[in-house]
Amino acid sequence: MKSHFFAYLSRMRFIQRWALMRNTAPENVQEHSHQAAVLAHALAVIRNEKFGGTADPGAVAAAALYHDASEILTGDMPTPIKYGNPAIQHAYKEVEAVAERKLLAMLPQELREAYAPVLTEVDPEVERLVKAADKLSAYIKCVEELKAGNTEFRDAAAQTRKVLEGYGLPEVEYFLETFMDSFSLTLDQLK
């Protein structure tokens, strides 16, 4: 069986995020997925090392890497649209699930069981860390846009920070306190 799975995944780089906002630095789904995976891994490590957790950083990172894979087939729906109406949110979740199953079906049968946990069957605790990493990635984007003088991201930054603080996850609070300020610095200031 020939499979188009990885060819589809490689097209993540063509799907632009933040379509309703003027961006100083465009961001695509592939870039975002990489950052979300790095952040999810970090949150799992922080949970384990600082707060006595037992998260599997590898499983969390892998789930984050694939968390927006369905957008290869659906495109990226802007957050205000996706979450602005419960009926739209529910319908979009169903569309995402269909796309995830379609992607999984593209794999040879012998590989599907290995990919199912990152495409369709994410453990609730893994999902919670991935959602936090996804939101953290969005917050970093907002901070970086503000640093570049793009005030269009001011409200999004405030709303996203509030959501992050509302998660009640100590690993997120630790990340915000320990690492977040650095994203507002220039390269010279990071030295």
N, C-alpha and C. Protein backbone atom coordinates (compact mmCIF):
# COMPACT_ATOMS: atom_id res chain seq x y z
N MET A 1 0.84 -1.18 0.00
CA MET A 1 0.00 0.00 0.00
C MET A 1 0.88 1.25 0.00
N LYS A 2 0.62 2.15 -0.91
CA LYS A 2 1.28 3.46 -0.92
C LYS A 2 0.50 4.37 0.04
N SER A 3 1.23 5.22 0.75
CA SER A 3 0.58 6.09 1.72
C SER A 3 0.96 7.55 1.48
N HIS A 4 -0.05 8.42 1.60
CA HIS A 4 0.16 9.85 1.44
C HIS A 4 0.31 10.57 2.78
N PHE A 5 0.33 9.81 3.88
CA PHE A 5 0.31 10.38 5.23
C PHE A 5 1.40 11.43 5.43
N PHE A 6 2.65 11.08 5.18
CA PHE A 6 3.75 12.02 5.46
C PHE A 6 3.80 13.16 4.44
N ALA A 7 3.33 12.91 3.24
CA ALA A 7 3.24 14.00 2.27
C ALA A 7 2.21 15.03 2.73
N TYR A 8 1.10 14.55 3.29
CA TYR A 8 0.12 15.47 3.85
C TYR A 8 0.72 16.25 5.03
N LEU A 9 1.41 15.54 5.94
CA LEU A 9 2.00 16.22 7.09
C LEU A 9 2.96 17.32 6.67
N SER A 10 3.70 17.08 5.60
CA SER A 10 4.67 18.09 5.16
C SER A 10 3.99 19.36 4.67
N ARG A 11 2.69 19.29 4.40
CA ARG A 11 1.96 20.46 3.92
C ARG A 11 1.50 21.38 5.06
N MET A 12 1.81 20.99 6.30
CA MET A 12 1.47 21.85 7.44
C MET A 12 2.11 23.23 7.30
N ARG A 13 3.23 23.27 6.61
CA ARG A 13 3.95 24.55 6.47
C ARG A 13 3.21 25.55 5.58
N PHE A 14 2.21 25.09 4.85
CA PHE A 14 1.45 25.98 3.97
C PHE A 14 0.22 26.59 4.64
N ILE A 15 -0.11 26.13 5.83
CA ILE A 15 -1.31 26.59 6.52
C ILE A 15 -0.91 27.71 7.48
N GLN A 16 -1.35 28.91 7.17
CA GLN A 16 -1.00 30.08 7.97
C GLN A 16 -1.94 30.22 9.17
N ARG A 17 -1.38 30.63 10.27
CA ARG A 17 -2.14 30.90 11.50
C ARG A 17 -2.42 32.40 11.62
N TRP A 18 -3.30 32.77 12.52
CA TRP A 18 -3.61 34.16 12.82
C TRP A 18 -4.13 34.91 11.59
N ALA A 19 -5.02 34.26 10.86
CA ALA A 19 -5.50 34.82 9.59
C ALA A 19 -6.26 36.14 9.75
N LEU A 20 -6.85 36.38 10.89
CA LEU A 20 -7.63 37.60 11.07
C LEU A 20 -6.80 38.78 11.58
N MET A 21 -5.52 38.53 11.84
CA MET A 21 -4.66 39.55 12.44
C MET A 21 -3.53 39.93 11.48
N ARG A 22 -3.14 41.19 11.55
CA ARG A 22 -1.94 41.62 10.82
C ARG A 22 -0.75 41.10 11.61
N ASN A 23 0.16 40.43 10.93
CA ASN A 23 1.32 39.81 11.57
C ASN A 23 2.61 40.47 11.09
N THR A 24 3.53 40.73 12.01
CA THR A 24 4.86 41.19 11.59
C THR A 24 5.70 40.00 11.16
N ALA A 25 5.41 38.83 11.73
CA ALA A 25 6.12 37.60 11.38
C ALA A 25 5.08 36.50 11.18
N PRO A 26 4.81 36.12 9.94
CA PRO A 26 3.82 35.06 9.71
C PRO A 26 4.22 33.77 10.43
N GLU A 27 3.22 33.00 10.82
CA GLU A 27 3.46 31.73 11.50
C GLU A 27 2.61 30.67 10.82
N ASN A 28 3.22 29.53 10.52
CA ASN A 28 2.44 28.45 9.93
C ASN A 28 2.23 27.33 10.95
N VAL A 29 1.39 26.38 10.62
CA VAL A 29 1.02 25.31 11.54
C VAL A 29 2.22 24.42 11.86
N GLN A 30 3.11 24.22 10.91
CA GLN A 30 4.29 23.39 11.18
C GLN A 30 5.19 24.06 12.23
N GLU A 31 5.44 25.35 12.08
CA GLU A 31 6.25 26.08 13.06
C GLU A 31 5.59 26.05 14.43
N HIS A 32 4.30 26.31 14.44
CA HIS A 32 3.55 26.30 15.70
C HIS A 32 3.59 24.92 16.36
N SER A 33 3.43 23.88 15.57
CA SER A 33 3.42 22.52 16.13
C SER A 33 4.76 22.17 16.77
N HIS A 34 5.84 22.61 16.13
CA HIS A 34 7.17 22.37 16.71
C HIS A 34 7.29 23.10 18.04
N GLN A 35 6.90 24.38 18.06
CA GLN A 35 7.01 25.13 19.31
C GLN A 35 6.11 24.53 20.39
N ALA A 36 4.90 24.14 20.02
CA ALA A 36 3.99 23.53 21.00
C ALA A 36 4.58 22.24 21.56
N ALA A 37 5.26 21.46 20.72
CA ALA A 37 5.88 20.21 21.18
C ALA A 37 7.01 20.50 22.17
N VAL A 38 7.84 21.50 21.85
CA VAL A 38 8.93 21.88 22.76
C VAL A 38 8.34 22.35 24.10
N LEU A 39 7.31 23.17 24.04
CA LEU A 39 6.70 23.69 25.26
C LEU A 39 5.99 22.59 26.05
N ALA A 40 5.30 21.69 25.37
CA ALA A 40 4.61 20.59 26.06
C ALA A 40 5.62 19.69 26.76
N HIS A 41 6.71 19.40 26.08
CA HIS A 41 7.78 18.61 26.69
C HIS A 41 8.28 19.31 27.96
N ALA A 42 8.52 20.62 27.85
CA ALA A 42 9.00 21.39 29.00
C ALA A 42 8.00 21.35 30.15
N LEU A 43 6.72 21.52 29.84
CA LEU A 43 5.71 21.49 30.90
C LEU A 43 5.68 20.14 31.60
N ALA A 44 5.83 19.06 30.84
CA ALA A 44 5.86 17.72 31.44
C ALA A 44 7.09 17.55 32.33
N VAL A 45 8.24 18.01 31.85
CA VAL A 45 9.46 17.92 32.65
C VAL A 45 9.32 18.76 33.92
N ILE A 46 8.80 19.98 33.80
CA ILE A 46 8.60 20.83 34.97
C ILE A 46 7.64 20.16 35.95
N ARG A 47 6.56 19.60 35.44
CA ARG A 47 5.60 18.90 36.30
C ARG A 47 6.31 17.81 37.10
N ASN A 48 7.13 17.03 36.41
CA ASN A 48 7.80 15.90 37.07
C ASN A 48 8.88 16.35 38.05
N GLU A 49 9.72 17.27 37.62
CA GLU A 49 10.89 17.66 38.41
C GLU A 49 10.57 18.63 39.54
N LYS A 50 9.60 19.50 39.34
CA LYS A 50 9.28 20.52 40.35
C LYS A 50 8.07 20.16 41.21
N PHE A 51 7.13 19.39 40.64
CA PHE A 51 5.86 19.19 41.32
C PHE A 51 5.49 17.72 41.53
N GLY A 52 6.48 16.83 41.38
CA GLY A 52 6.26 15.42 41.69
C GLY A 52 5.34 14.68 40.75
N GLY A 53 5.21 15.15 39.53
CA GLY A 53 4.33 14.50 38.57
C GLY A 53 4.94 13.25 37.96
N THR A 54 4.17 12.59 37.13
CA THR A 54 4.63 11.36 36.48
C THR A 54 4.31 11.39 34.98
N ALA A 55 4.26 12.57 34.41
CA ALA A 55 3.95 12.69 32.98
C ALA A 55 5.09 12.10 32.15
N ASP A 56 4.75 11.56 31.00
CA ASP A 56 5.75 11.06 30.05
C ASP A 56 6.07 12.19 29.07
N PRO A 57 7.22 12.87 29.25
CA PRO A 57 7.54 14.01 28.39
C PRO A 57 7.56 13.66 26.90
N GLY A 58 8.00 12.45 26.56
CA GLY A 58 8.02 12.04 25.15
C GLY A 58 6.63 11.91 24.58
N ALA A 59 5.73 11.30 25.33
CA ALA A 59 4.34 11.14 24.86
C ALA A 59 3.66 12.49 24.74
N VAL A 60 3.93 13.38 25.67
CA VAL A 60 3.33 14.71 25.64
C VAL A 60 3.86 15.50 24.43
N ALA A 61 5.17 15.42 24.20
CA ALA A 61 5.76 16.13 23.06
C ALA A 61 5.22 15.59 21.75
N ALA A 62 5.11 14.27 21.63
CA ALA A 62 4.59 13.68 20.39
C ALA A 62 3.14 14.09 20.14
N ALA A 63 2.33 14.08 21.18
CA ALA A 63 0.93 14.49 21.02
C ALA A 63 0.85 15.95 20.59
N ALA A 64 1.71 16.80 21.15
CA ALA A 64 1.72 18.21 20.77
C ALA A 64 2.18 18.40 19.33
N LEU A 65 3.12 17.59 18.91
CA LEU A 65 3.62 17.69 17.55
C LEU A 65 2.51 17.45 16.52
N TYR A 66 1.58 16.59 16.86
CA TYR A 66 0.49 16.23 15.95
C TYR A 66 -0.84 16.90 16.31
N HIS A 67 -0.87 17.77 17.31
CA HIS A 67 -2.16 18.27 17.83
C HIS A 67 -2.97 19.06 16.80
N ASP A 68 -2.34 19.65 15.81
CA ASP A 68 -3.07 20.39 14.78
C ASP A 68 -2.99 19.70 13.41
N ALA A 69 -2.64 18.43 13.40
CA ALA A 69 -2.49 17.72 12.13
C ALA A 69 -3.78 17.73 11.31
N SER A 70 -4.93 17.73 11.97
CA SER A 70 -6.20 17.73 11.24
C SER A 70 -6.34 18.98 10.37
N GLU A 71 -5.64 20.06 10.73
CA GLU A 71 -5.74 21.30 9.96
C GLU A 71 -5.17 21.17 8.55
N ILE A 72 -4.45 20.10 8.30
CA ILE A 72 -3.99 19.83 6.94
C ILE A 72 -5.20 19.65 6.03
N LEU A 73 -6.25 19.08 6.57
CA LEU A 73 -7.47 18.83 5.80
C LEU A 73 -8.55 19.90 6.03
N THR A 74 -8.54 20.53 7.20
CA THR A 74 -9.61 21.48 7.53
C THR A 74 -9.19 22.94 7.37
N GLY A 75 -7.89 23.21 7.38
CA GLY A 75 -7.41 24.57 7.47
C GLY A 75 -7.46 25.03 8.91
N ASP A 76 -6.95 26.21 9.19
CA ASP A 76 -6.93 26.76 10.54
C ASP A 76 -8.10 27.72 10.70
N MET A 77 -9.00 27.39 11.61
CA MET A 77 -10.12 28.28 11.87
C MET A 77 -9.72 29.24 12.98
N PRO A 78 -9.89 30.54 12.77
CA PRO A 78 -9.52 31.51 13.79
C PRO A 78 -10.27 31.27 15.12
N THR A 79 -9.56 31.44 16.22
CA THR A 79 -10.11 31.19 17.55
C THR A 79 -11.42 31.92 17.82
N PRO A 80 -11.56 33.20 17.47
CA PRO A 80 -12.84 33.87 17.77
C PRO A 80 -14.03 33.21 17.07
N ILE A 81 -13.79 32.64 15.92
CA ILE A 81 -14.87 31.96 15.19
C ILE A 81 -15.10 30.57 15.81
N LYS A 82 -14.02 29.84 16.00
CA LYS A 82 -14.10 28.46 16.50
C LYS A 82 -14.77 28.38 17.87
N TYR A 83 -14.45 29.33 18.75
CA TYR A 83 -14.95 29.26 20.12
C TYR A 83 -16.01 30.31 20.44
N GLY A 84 -16.41 31.09 19.46
CA GLY A 84 -17.38 32.16 19.69
C GLY A 84 -18.82 31.70 19.82
N ASN A 85 -19.09 30.48 19.40
CA ASN A 85 -20.46 29.97 19.40
C ASN A 85 -20.39 28.48 19.72
N PRO A 86 -21.12 28.00 20.73
CA PRO A 86 -21.06 26.58 21.10
C PRO A 86 -21.41 25.62 19.96
N ALA A 87 -22.36 25.99 19.12
CA ALA A 87 -22.75 25.12 18.01
C ALA A 87 -21.61 25.00 17.00
N ILE A 88 -20.96 26.12 16.70
CA ILE A 88 -19.83 26.09 15.77
C ILE A 88 -18.68 25.29 16.38
N GLN A 89 -18.41 25.51 17.67
CA GLN A 89 -17.34 24.78 18.35
C GLN A 89 -17.58 23.27 18.28
N HIS A 90 -18.81 22.85 18.58
CA HIS A 90 -19.15 21.43 18.55
C HIS A 90 -19.00 20.87 17.13
N ALA A 91 -19.53 21.58 16.16
CA ALA A 91 -19.44 21.12 14.77
C ALA A 91 -17.98 21.05 14.31
N TYR A 92 -17.17 22.04 14.70
CA TYR A 92 -15.77 22.02 14.28
C TYR A 92 -15.02 20.87 14.94
N LYS A 93 -15.33 20.56 16.19
CA LYS A 93 -14.71 19.41 16.86
C LYS A 93 -15.02 18.12 16.09
N GLU A 94 -16.23 18.01 15.60
CA GLU A 94 -16.60 16.84 14.82
C GLU A 94 -15.85 16.79 13.49
N VAL A 95 -15.70 17.95 12.85
CA VAL A 95 -14.94 18.03 11.60
C VAL A 95 -13.49 17.63 11.85
N GLU A 96 -12.92 18.13 12.95
CA GLU A 96 -11.53 17.76 13.31
C GLU A 96 -11.41 16.26 13.52
N ALA A 97 -12.37 15.66 14.21
CA ALA A 97 -12.33 14.22 14.48
C ALA A 97 -12.38 13.42 13.18
N VAL A 98 -13.21 13.84 12.24
CA VAL A 98 -13.29 13.17 10.94
C VAL A 98 -11.94 13.29 10.22
N ALA A 99 -11.35 14.47 10.25
CA ALA A 99 -10.05 14.69 9.60
C ALA A 99 -8.97 13.84 10.25
N GLU A 100 -8.97 13.75 11.58
CA GLU A 100 -7.99 12.93 12.29
C GLU A 100 -8.13 11.47 11.89
N ARG A 101 -9.36 10.98 11.82
CA ARG A 101 -9.57 9.57 11.42
C ARG A 101 -9.15 9.35 9.97
N LYS A 102 -9.40 10.35 9.12
CA LYS A 102 -8.98 10.23 7.72
C LYS A 102 -7.46 10.15 7.62
N LEU A 103 -6.77 10.98 8.37
CA LEU A 103 -5.30 10.93 8.38
C LEU A 103 -4.81 9.57 8.87
N LEU A 104 -5.40 9.10 9.96
CA LEU A 104 -5.01 7.80 10.51
C LEU A 104 -5.23 6.69 9.48
N ALA A 105 -6.31 6.77 8.75
CA ALA A 105 -6.62 5.75 7.74
C ALA A 105 -5.65 5.78 6.56
N MET A 106 -4.92 6.89 6.39
CA MET A 106 -3.93 6.96 5.31
C MET A 106 -2.70 6.10 5.60
N LEU A 107 -2.50 5.77 6.86
CA LEU A 107 -1.32 4.97 7.23
C LEU A 107 -1.55 3.50 6.91
N PRO A 108 -0.47 2.78 6.63
CA PRO A 108 -0.61 1.33 6.51
C PRO A 108 -1.18 0.77 7.82
N GLN A 109 -1.98 -0.25 7.71
CA GLN A 109 -2.66 -0.83 8.87
C GLN A 109 -1.70 -1.12 10.03
N GLU A 110 -0.52 -1.62 9.72
CA GLU A 110 0.42 -2.00 10.78
C GLU A 110 0.99 -0.80 11.56
N LEU A 111 0.79 0.42 11.08
CA LEU A 111 1.29 1.61 11.78
C LEU A 111 0.19 2.38 12.51
N ARG A 112 -1.04 2.08 12.23
CA ARG A 112 -2.14 2.87 12.77
C ARG A 112 -2.22 2.84 14.30
N GLU A 113 -1.99 1.69 14.89
CA GLU A 113 -2.07 1.59 16.36
C GLU A 113 -1.02 2.48 17.03
N ALA A 114 0.14 2.60 16.41
CA ALA A 114 1.21 3.43 16.98
C ALA A 114 0.88 4.92 16.86
N TYR A 115 0.17 5.31 15.80
CA TYR A 115 -0.15 6.72 15.59
C TYR A 115 -1.48 7.15 16.20
N ALA A 116 -2.35 6.22 16.51
CA ALA A 116 -3.66 6.56 17.07
C ALA A 116 -3.55 7.43 18.33
N PRO A 117 -2.64 7.14 19.26
CA PRO A 117 -2.58 7.97 20.47
C PRO A 117 -2.21 9.43 20.22
N VAL A 118 -1.51 9.72 19.15
CA VAL A 118 -1.14 11.12 18.89
C VAL A 118 -2.09 11.79 17.91
N LEU A 119 -2.90 11.02 17.22
CA LEU A 119 -3.84 11.60 16.26
C LEU A 119 -5.28 11.63 16.75
N THR A 120 -5.69 10.60 17.48
CA THR A 120 -7.13 10.50 17.78
C THR A 120 -7.47 10.16 19.23
N GLU A 121 -6.58 9.56 19.97
CA GLU A 121 -6.94 9.04 21.31
C GLU A 121 -6.02 9.58 22.39
N VAL A 122 -5.97 10.85 22.56
CA VAL A 122 -5.02 11.42 23.51
C VAL A 122 -5.52 11.24 24.95
N ASP A 123 -4.64 10.78 25.81
CA ASP A 123 -4.90 10.63 27.24
C ASP A 123 -5.29 12.01 27.82
N PRO A 124 -6.27 12.08 28.72
CA PRO A 124 -6.74 13.37 29.24
C PRO A 124 -5.63 14.22 29.88
N GLU A 125 -4.72 13.62 30.61
CA GLU A 125 -3.64 14.40 31.23
C GLU A 125 -2.65 14.90 30.17
N VAL A 126 -2.38 14.07 29.18
CA VAL A 126 -1.53 14.50 28.07
C VAL A 126 -2.21 15.64 27.34
N GLU A 127 -3.50 15.48 27.09
CA GLU A 127 -4.26 16.52 26.40
C GLU A 127 -4.25 17.84 27.15
N ARG A 128 -4.33 17.77 28.47
CA ARG A 128 -4.31 18.99 29.29
C ARG A 128 -2.98 19.73 29.14
N LEU A 129 -1.88 18.99 29.15
CA LEU A 129 -0.57 19.62 28.97
C LEU A 129 -0.40 20.17 27.56
N VAL A 130 -0.92 19.44 26.57
CA VAL A 130 -0.82 19.91 25.18
C VAL A 130 -1.66 21.18 24.99
N LYS A 131 -2.86 21.22 25.57
CA LYS A 131 -3.68 22.44 25.48
C LYS A 131 -2.96 23.62 26.11
N ALA A 132 -2.32 23.39 27.25
CA ALA A 132 -1.58 24.46 27.92
C ALA A 132 -0.41 24.91 27.05
N ALA A 133 0.30 23.96 26.44
CA ALA A 133 1.43 24.31 25.56
C ALA A 133 0.94 25.05 24.32
N ASP A 134 -0.18 24.64 23.78
CA ASP A 134 -0.77 25.30 22.62
C ASP A 134 -1.10 26.76 22.96
N LYS A 135 -1.71 26.97 24.12
CA LYS A 135 -2.07 28.32 24.54
C LYS A 135 -0.81 29.13 24.87
N LEU A 136 0.18 28.49 25.45
CA LEU A 136 1.45 29.16 25.75
C LEU A 136 2.14 29.60 24.46
N SER A 137 2.08 28.77 23.44
CA SER A 137 2.64 29.13 22.14
C SER A 137 1.92 30.36 21.58
N ALA A 138 0.60 30.40 21.73
CA ALA A 138 -0.17 31.56 21.26
C ALA A 138 0.23 32.81 22.04
N TYR A 139 0.44 32.66 23.34
CA TYR A 139 0.84 33.80 24.16
C TYR A 139 2.22 34.31 23.74
N ILE A 140 3.14 33.40 23.48
CA ILE A 140 4.47 33.79 23.03
C ILE A 140 4.37 34.56 21.72
N LYS A 141 3.53 34.09 20.80
CA LYS A 141 3.32 34.80 19.53
C LYS A 141 2.83 36.23 19.80
N CYS A 142 1.88 36.37 20.70
CA CYS A 142 1.35 37.70 21.04
C CYS A 142 2.44 38.60 21.60
N VAL A 143 3.23 38.07 22.52
CA VAL A 143 4.31 38.85 23.14
C VAL A 143 5.34 39.27 22.09
N GLU A 144 5.68 38.35 21.20
CA GLU A 144 6.66 38.67 20.16
C GLU A 144 6.12 39.72 19.19
N GLU A 145 4.84 39.65 18.86
CA GLU A 145 4.24 40.66 17.99
C GLU A 145 4.22 42.02 18.69
N LEU A 146 3.89 42.04 19.96
CA LEU A 146 3.91 43.30 20.71
C LEU A 146 5.32 43.86 20.78
N LYS A 147 6.30 42.99 20.97
CA LYS A 147 7.70 43.43 21.00
C LYS A 147 8.08 44.09 19.68
N ALA A 148 7.50 43.62 18.58
CA ALA A 148 7.79 44.18 17.26
C ALA A 148 6.95 45.43 16.98
N GLY A 149 6.17 45.88 17.96
CA GLY A 149 5.39 47.10 17.80
C GLY A 149 4.00 46.89 17.24
N ASN A 150 3.56 45.65 17.11
CA ASN A 150 2.25 45.36 16.55
C ASN A 150 1.21 45.32 17.67
N THR A 151 0.58 46.45 17.91
CA THR A 151 -0.39 46.55 19.01
C THR A 151 -1.69 45.80 18.73
N GLU A 152 -1.85 45.29 17.53
CA GLU A 152 -3.04 44.51 17.20
C GLU A 152 -3.15 43.26 18.08
N PHE A 153 -2.04 42.85 18.66
CA PHE A 153 -2.02 41.64 19.50
C PHE A 153 -2.20 41.95 20.99
N ARG A 154 -2.43 43.22 21.34
CA ARG A 154 -2.53 43.59 22.75
C ARG A 154 -3.67 42.85 23.45
N ASP A 155 -4.87 42.92 22.90
CA ASP A 155 -6.01 42.26 23.55
C ASP A 155 -5.85 40.74 23.56
N ALA A 156 -5.35 40.20 22.47
CA ALA A 156 -5.13 38.74 22.40
C ALA A 156 -4.13 38.30 23.47
N ALA A 157 -3.09 39.11 23.69
CA ALA A 157 -2.10 38.78 24.71
C ALA A 157 -2.74 38.75 26.09
N ALA A 158 -3.53 39.77 26.41
CA ALA A 158 -4.16 39.84 27.72
C ALA A 158 -5.14 38.69 27.93
N GLN A 159 -5.95 38.41 26.92
CA GLN A 159 -6.92 37.31 27.02
C GLN A 159 -6.23 35.96 27.16
N THR A 160 -5.16 35.77 26.39
CA THR A 160 -4.45 34.49 26.42
C THR A 160 -3.75 34.30 27.75
N ARG A 161 -3.13 35.35 28.28
CA ARG A 161 -2.48 35.26 29.59
C ARG A 161 -3.51 34.89 30.67
N LYS A 162 -4.68 35.49 30.60
CA LYS A 162 -5.73 35.20 31.58
C LYS A 162 -6.15 33.73 31.51
N VAL A 163 -6.27 33.20 30.30
CA VAL A 163 -6.62 31.78 30.14
C VAL A 163 -5.52 30.91 30.74
N LEU A 164 -4.27 31.23 30.44
CA LEU A 164 -3.15 30.45 30.99
C LEU A 164 -3.16 30.45 32.52
N GLU A 165 -3.37 31.61 33.10
CA GLU A 165 -3.40 31.71 34.56
C GLU A 165 -4.60 30.97 35.14
N GLY A 166 -5.67 30.87 34.36
CA GLY A 166 -6.87 30.17 34.82
C GLY A 166 -6.79 28.66 34.77
N TYR A 167 -5.78 28.12 34.11
CA TYR A 167 -5.64 26.66 34.06
C TYR A 167 -5.36 26.06 35.42
N GLY A 168 -4.74 26.82 36.31
CA GLY A 168 -4.42 26.28 37.63
C GLY A 168 -3.35 25.20 37.58
N LEU A 169 -2.50 25.24 36.58
CA LEU A 169 -1.43 24.26 36.46
C LEU A 169 -0.13 24.87 36.99
N PRO A 170 0.45 24.30 38.03
CA PRO A 170 1.67 24.89 38.59
C PRO A 170 2.83 24.92 37.60
N GLU A 171 2.87 23.97 36.67
CA GLU A 171 3.95 23.96 35.68
C GLU A 171 3.83 25.14 34.72
N VAL A 172 2.59 25.55 34.43
CA VAL A 172 2.38 26.72 33.58
C VAL A 172 2.79 27.98 34.33
N GLU A 173 2.38 28.09 35.57
CA GLU A 173 2.77 29.24 36.39
C GLU A 173 4.29 29.33 36.51
N TYR A 174 4.94 28.21 36.72
CA TYR A 174 6.41 28.16 36.81
C TYR A 174 7.03 28.65 35.50
N PHE A 175 6.50 28.17 34.36
CA PHE A 175 7.04 28.59 33.07
C PHE A 175 6.87 30.10 32.89
N LEU A 176 5.69 30.60 33.20
CA LEU A 176 5.44 32.03 33.05
C LEU A 176 6.39 32.86 33.91
N GLU A 177 6.61 32.43 35.14
CA GLU A 177 7.48 33.17 36.06
C GLU A 177 8.96 33.03 35.70
N THR A 178 9.36 31.87 35.22
CA THR A 178 10.77 31.58 35.02
C THR A 178 11.28 31.93 33.62
N PHE A 179 10.45 31.71 32.61
CA PHE A 179 10.93 31.81 31.23
C PHE A 179 10.27 32.90 30.39
N MET A 180 9.08 33.32 30.76
CA MET A 180 8.29 34.15 29.85
C MET A 180 8.88 35.53 29.58
N ASP A 181 9.44 36.17 30.58
CA ASP A 181 9.98 37.52 30.38
C ASP A 181 11.04 37.57 29.29
N SER A 182 11.75 36.48 29.10
CA SER A 182 12.82 36.45 28.09
C SER A 182 12.30 36.67 26.67
N PHE A 183 11.05 36.32 26.43
CA PHE A 183 10.48 36.47 25.09
C PHE A 183 10.25 37.94 24.72
N SER A 184 10.30 38.82 25.69
CA SER A 184 10.15 40.25 25.44
C SER A 184 11.48 40.93 25.17
N LEU A 185 12.58 40.20 25.29
CA LEU A 185 13.90 40.78 25.14
C LEU A 185 14.41 40.69 23.70
N THR A 186 15.30 41.59 23.37
CA THR A 186 15.98 41.52 22.07
C THR A 186 17.12 40.52 22.16
N LEU A 187 17.69 40.16 21.04
CA LEU A 187 18.81 39.22 21.03
C LEU A 187 19.96 39.75 21.88
N ASP A 188 20.28 41.03 21.77
CA ASP A 188 21.37 41.61 22.56
C ASP A 188 21.07 41.54 24.06
N GLN A 189 19.81 41.70 24.43
CA GLN A 189 19.43 41.64 25.85
C GLN A 189 19.48 40.21 26.39
N LEU A 190 19.38 39.22 25.52
CA LEU A 190 19.43 37.82 25.97
C LEU A 190 20.83 37.36 26.35
N LYS A 191 21.84 38.14 25.97
CA LYS A 191 23.23 37.72 26.25
C LYS A 191 23.54 37.74 27.71
